[in-house]
Amino acid sequence: MAPKVFTFNKNYKCELFLHTKSQRVAPLQRPSKIAEIDAVFCPATYSFEIKSLNCVGSFELNFQKNFFVSYFEIGQTEVAESKTPVTAKILSEDFFSSAITAACEVGSTRAMWYPPNSLIPDASGSTSIAGREGFTKYLVPTPSGGRGASRKVLDVDGKRHDRVWNDPIEIQRTVALMETAEAAFRSPHYPKDQVDLSTKAKREQWVADTSGIWSVGTVHVQLAIARKNGLIKSGRKKK
């Protein structure tokens, strides 16, 4: 992942990159329904370099209502001796706010958002309930892309992006949504008076509506591909 270059205090430049990450993420959006959203790797360690000061350092980005730096260290490199002392004037509020903004950009990823009190499925088919703050689940990307027809969509960042219906990432996203629908239907907490998931067709329609991009016909084909590739179990019984 390429580093993010940002400027602070008008004339100092800093390069920042994601040093360590896990599957823990913080959401950038909190919609009222289950949806795929932009997120940031957090807690995670971000490293930086201020070449003009011969300084390197790192910090841990954390989140509690807002993103903040929970741990910070900085030191001079051994390449050359800096003639500029590192003071509070240099490491100002502008530095930290700019670094946090850059970290949110370089550490951006995609995740599934479950609003407060919604049902969260797991691989075993059981469910849990999102807490009062909701729950964000990291979507692991796959390494290759598909060759189907693409569709341009307008994301929340205001930019248009190509989405390819049979890309492995898109198949994975559809499977995750179908798992949510199936788990919700089986759950004793399923709100039947709010949403009808009583048939496979209605669950596929829910997946299509929640995806915000694919038609129910496309979802049906995506699930067929997923079943063929072993991502979901076939509903047919062997004789």
Protein backbone atom coordinates (compact mmCIF):
# COMPACT_ATOMS: atom_id res chain seq x y z
CA MET A 1 0.00 0.00 0.00
CA ALA A 2 1.47 3.36 -1.06
CA PRO A 3 2.18 5.91 1.68
CA LYS A 4 0.02 9.00 2.08
CA VAL A 5 1.87 12.32 1.91
CA PHE A 6 0.38 15.19 3.87
CA THR A 7 1.50 18.72 4.76
CA PHE A 8 1.30 20.24 8.23
CA ASN A 9 2.29 23.63 9.64
CA LYS A 10 2.15 24.93 6.03
CA ASN A 11 5.60 23.76 4.94
CA TYR A 12 6.47 20.39 6.53
CA LYS A 13 5.75 17.21 4.57
CA CYS A 14 5.16 13.83 6.16
CA GLU A 15 4.82 10.36 4.64
CA LEU A 16 2.46 8.03 6.47
CA PHE A 17 1.66 4.35 5.88
CA LEU A 18 -0.21 1.51 7.56
CA HIS A 19 2.35 -0.44 9.58
CA THR A 20 0.29 -3.22 11.15
CA LYS A 21 -3.36 -4.14 10.75
CA SER A 22 -5.81 -6.74 11.93
CA GLN A 23 -9.42 -7.43 11.01
CA ARG A 24 -10.60 -4.86 13.53
CA VAL A 25 -12.12 -1.82 11.85
CA ALA A 26 -14.03 1.35 12.75
CA PRO A 27 -16.95 2.54 10.58
CA LEU A 28 -16.99 5.77 8.60
CA GLN A 29 -20.77 5.55 8.10
CA ARG A 30 -23.55 4.25 10.34
CA PRO A 31 -26.64 3.73 8.15
CA SER A 32 -29.96 2.71 9.67
CA LYS A 33 -29.95 -0.71 7.97
CA ILE A 34 -27.43 -3.50 7.29
CA ALA A 35 -25.14 -2.32 4.50
CA GLU A 36 -21.64 -2.42 3.07
CA ILE A 37 -19.71 0.68 4.15
CA ASP A 38 -16.31 2.37 4.16
CA ALA A 39 -14.25 1.65 7.27
CA VAL A 40 -10.74 2.18 8.67
CA PHE A 41 -8.33 -0.35 10.14
CA CYS A 42 -8.49 0.59 13.82
CA PRO A 43 -6.99 -0.06 16.31
CA ALA A 44 -3.92 -0.24 14.08
CA THR A 45 -0.37 1.09 14.01
CA TYR A 46 0.59 3.76 11.48
CA SER A 47 4.21 4.77 10.82
CA PHE A 48 5.46 8.08 9.45
CA GLU A 49 8.60 9.86 8.26
CA ILE A 50 9.38 13.59 8.20
CA LYS A 51 12.38 13.66 5.89
CA SER A 52 13.19 17.35 6.31
CA LEU A 53 13.65 16.74 10.06
CA ASN A 54 15.26 13.31 9.66
CA CYS A 55 12.54 11.97 11.93
CA VAL A 56 10.55 8.74 11.95
CA GLY A 57 7.83 7.62 14.28
CA SER A 58 4.61 5.71 14.73
CA PHE A 59 1.28 5.95 16.51
CA GLU A 60 -1.72 3.78 17.24
CA LEU A 61 -5.00 5.00 15.82
CA ASN A 62 -7.98 4.28 18.03
CA PHE A 63 -11.65 5.17 18.05
CA GLN A 64 -14.13 6.32 20.68
CA LYS A 65 -16.82 8.50 19.12
CA ASN A 66 -13.96 10.05 17.11
CA PHE A 67 -10.57 8.85 15.85
CA PHE A 68 -7.65 9.69 18.14
CA VAL A 69 -3.98 8.85 18.72
CA SER A 70 -3.67 6.56 21.74
CA TYR A 71 0.09 5.92 21.56
CA PHE A 72 2.82 8.01 19.93
CA GLU A 73 6.60 7.85 19.51
CA ILE A 74 9.11 9.77 17.39
CA GLY A 75 12.87 9.75 16.98
CA GLN A 76 15.62 10.90 14.65
CA THR A 77 17.08 8.62 12.00
CA GLU A 78 20.72 7.60 11.95
CA VAL A 79 21.14 8.72 8.34
CA ALA A 80 21.89 12.33 9.17
CA GLU A 81 21.80 14.64 12.14
CA SER A 82 18.89 17.07 12.15
CA LYS A 83 19.60 20.73 12.81
CA THR A 84 15.98 21.45 13.60
CA PRO A 85 14.87 20.63 17.15
CA VAL A 86 11.58 18.76 17.44
CA THR A 87 9.38 20.96 19.59
CA ALA A 88 5.70 21.32 20.45
CA LYS A 89 5.57 24.06 17.82
CA ILE A 90 6.41 21.51 15.13
CA LEU A 91 4.34 18.64 16.57
CA SER A 92 1.34 20.90 16.82
CA GLU A 93 -2.39 20.26 16.77
CA ASP A 94 -2.20 20.64 12.99
CA PHE A 95 0.26 17.72 12.81
CA PHE A 96 -1.94 15.36 14.80
CA SER A 97 -5.20 16.30 13.05
CA SER A 98 -3.51 15.96 9.64
CA ALA A 99 -1.97 12.62 10.63
CA ILE A 100 -5.33 11.24 11.76
CA THR A 101 -6.98 12.37 8.52
CA ALA A 102 -4.18 10.74 6.48
CA ALA A 103 -4.44 7.51 8.52
CA CYS A 104 -8.18 7.31 7.83
CA GLU A 105 -7.38 7.54 4.11
CA VAL A 106 -4.44 5.17 3.89
CA GLY A 107 -6.12 2.66 6.21
CA SER A 108 -9.47 2.67 4.42
CA THR A 109 -11.19 -0.64 3.65
CA ARG A 110 -14.67 -2.10 3.19
CA ALA A 111 -16.84 -3.65 5.87
CA MET A 112 -20.38 -4.81 6.64
CA TRP A 113 -22.29 -2.57 9.03
CA TYR A 114 -24.88 -3.99 11.43
CA PRO A 115 -26.92 -1.26 13.15
CA PRO A 116 -27.77 -1.46 16.88
CA ASN A 117 -29.81 -4.55 17.86
CA SER A 118 -29.61 -6.13 14.39
CA LEU A 119 -28.72 -9.80 13.87
CA ILE A 120 -25.13 -10.78 13.04
CA PRO A 121 -24.61 -14.24 11.43
CA ASP A 122 -21.46 -16.32 11.78
CA ALA A 123 -19.98 -19.14 9.72
CA SER A 124 -21.76 -21.81 11.80
CA GLY A 125 -25.18 -20.40 10.97
CA SER A 126 -25.89 -19.05 14.45
CA THR A 127 -26.52 -15.38 15.21
CA SER A 128 -25.63 -12.74 17.74
CA ILE A 129 -27.14 -9.32 18.32
CA ALA A 130 -25.26 -6.09 17.61
CA GLY A 131 -24.85 -3.90 20.69
CA ARG A 132 -26.16 -0.41 21.20
CA GLU A 133 -23.24 1.02 19.19
CA GLY A 134 -23.76 -1.37 16.27
CA PHE A 135 -21.13 -3.73 14.84
CA THR A 136 -18.65 -3.46 11.96
CA LYS A 137 -17.36 -6.64 10.25
CA TYR A 138 -14.26 -6.49 8.04
CA LEU A 139 -14.76 -7.83 4.50
CA VAL A 140 -11.69 -9.82 3.47
CA PRO A 141 -10.87 -9.00 -0.19
CA THR A 142 -10.07 -11.74 -2.69
CA PRO A 143 -6.98 -11.46 -4.94
CA SER A 144 -8.54 -11.77 -8.40
CA GLY A 145 -11.24 -10.04 -10.42
CA GLY A 146 -14.06 -11.15 -12.67
CA ARG A 147 -14.74 -10.39 -16.30
CA GLY A 148 -18.46 -9.68 -16.29
CA ALA A 149 -20.16 -6.45 -17.26
CA SER A 150 -19.45 -3.66 -14.80
CA ARG A 151 -21.79 -1.12 -13.31
CA LYS A 152 -20.77 2.35 -12.21
CA VAL A 153 -22.14 3.36 -8.83
CA LEU A 154 -21.85 6.57 -6.85
CA ASP A 155 -20.28 5.82 -3.47
CA VAL A 156 -20.73 7.89 -0.33
CA ASP A 157 -17.44 9.66 -1.12
CA GLY A 158 -19.10 11.16 -4.21
CA LYS A 159 -16.88 9.24 -6.65
CA ARG A 160 -18.05 6.82 -9.31
CA HIS A 161 -16.69 3.30 -9.07
CA ASP A 162 -16.90 0.25 -11.33
CA ARG A 163 -18.51 -2.83 -9.80
CA VAL A 164 -18.30 -6.11 -11.74
CA TRP A 165 -21.15 -8.53 -10.97
CA ASN A 166 -19.09 -11.77 -11.11
CA ASP A 167 -15.96 -10.45 -9.43
CA PRO A 168 -15.06 -12.81 -6.54
CA ILE A 169 -15.33 -9.88 -4.12
CA GLU A 170 -18.90 -9.19 -5.30
CA ILE A 171 -19.79 -12.90 -4.95
CA GLN A 172 -18.41 -12.85 -1.40
CA ARG A 173 -20.45 -9.76 -0.54
CA THR A 174 -23.65 -11.33 -1.85
CA VAL A 175 -22.97 -14.55 0.08
CA ALA A 176 -22.43 -12.53 3.28
CA LEU A 177 -25.77 -10.77 2.79
CA MET A 178 -27.56 -14.06 2.08
CA GLU A 179 -26.06 -15.57 5.24
CA THR A 180 -27.48 -12.60 7.14
CA ALA A 181 -30.93 -13.14 5.63
CA GLU A 182 -30.90 -16.90 6.28
CA ALA A 183 -29.72 -16.44 9.87
CA ALA A 184 -32.32 -13.75 10.51
CA PHE A 185 -35.10 -16.01 9.17
CA ARG A 186 -34.03 -18.87 11.48
CA SER A 187 -33.64 -16.63 14.52
CA PRO A 188 -36.37 -16.52 17.20
CA HIS A 189 -35.80 -12.76 17.27
CA TYR A 190 -36.69 -12.40 13.58
CA PRO A 191 -39.14 -9.45 13.25
CA LYS A 192 -41.69 -11.04 10.89
CA ASP A 193 -43.93 -7.99 11.13
CA GLN A 194 -41.16 -5.75 9.72
CA VAL A 195 -39.65 -7.77 6.87
CA ASP A 196 -40.84 -10.89 5.03
CA LEU A 197 -38.07 -13.48 4.55
CA SER A 198 -40.36 -16.49 4.45
CA THR A 199 -39.20 -17.79 1.04
CA LYS A 200 -35.86 -18.11 -0.74
CA ALA A 201 -37.07 -15.69 -3.41
CA LYS A 202 -37.94 -13.07 -0.79
CA ARG A 203 -34.57 -13.53 0.88
CA GLU A 204 -32.83 -13.03 -2.47
CA GLN A 205 -34.93 -9.90 -3.00
CA TRP A 206 -33.82 -8.61 0.41
CA VAL A 207 -30.18 -9.25 -0.58
CA ALA A 208 -30.67 -7.34 -3.85
CA ASP A 209 -32.31 -4.40 -2.06
CA THR A 210 -29.63 -4.31 0.65
CA SER A 211 -26.76 -4.48 -1.87
CA GLY A 212 -27.96 -1.21 -3.36
CA ILE A 213 -26.67 -2.17 -6.81
CA TRP A 214 -27.64 -5.67 -8.05
CA SER A 215 -31.03 -6.87 -9.28
CA VAL A 216 -32.64 -9.98 -7.80
CA GLY A 217 -31.81 -11.84 -11.04
CA THR A 218 -28.12 -11.00 -10.68
CA VAL A 219 -28.18 -12.05 -7.02
CA HIS A 220 -29.71 -15.40 -8.01
CA VAL A 221 -26.89 -16.04 -10.50
CA GLN A 222 -24.21 -14.87 -8.02
CA LEU A 223 -25.50 -17.35 -5.44
CA ALA A 224 -25.51 -20.13 -8.07
CA ILE A 225 -21.83 -19.38 -8.80
CA ALA A 226 -21.06 -19.35 -5.08
CA ARG A 227 -22.79 -22.72 -4.67
CA LYS A 228 -20.84 -24.17 -7.61
CA ASN A 229 -17.56 -22.90 -6.12
CA GLY A 230 -18.34 -24.36 -2.70
CA LEU A 231 -18.80 -21.03 -0.92
CA ILE A 232 -22.27 -22.09 0.22
CA LYS A 233 -23.79 -25.54 0.64
CA SER A 234 -26.16 -26.88 -1.96
CA GLY A 235 -29.74 -27.29 -0.79
CA ARG A 236 -30.21 -30.46 -2.82
CA LYS A 237 -30.17 -33.81 -1.02
CA LYS A 238 -28.07 -36.60 -2.48
CA LYS A 239 -29.88 -39.83 -3.32
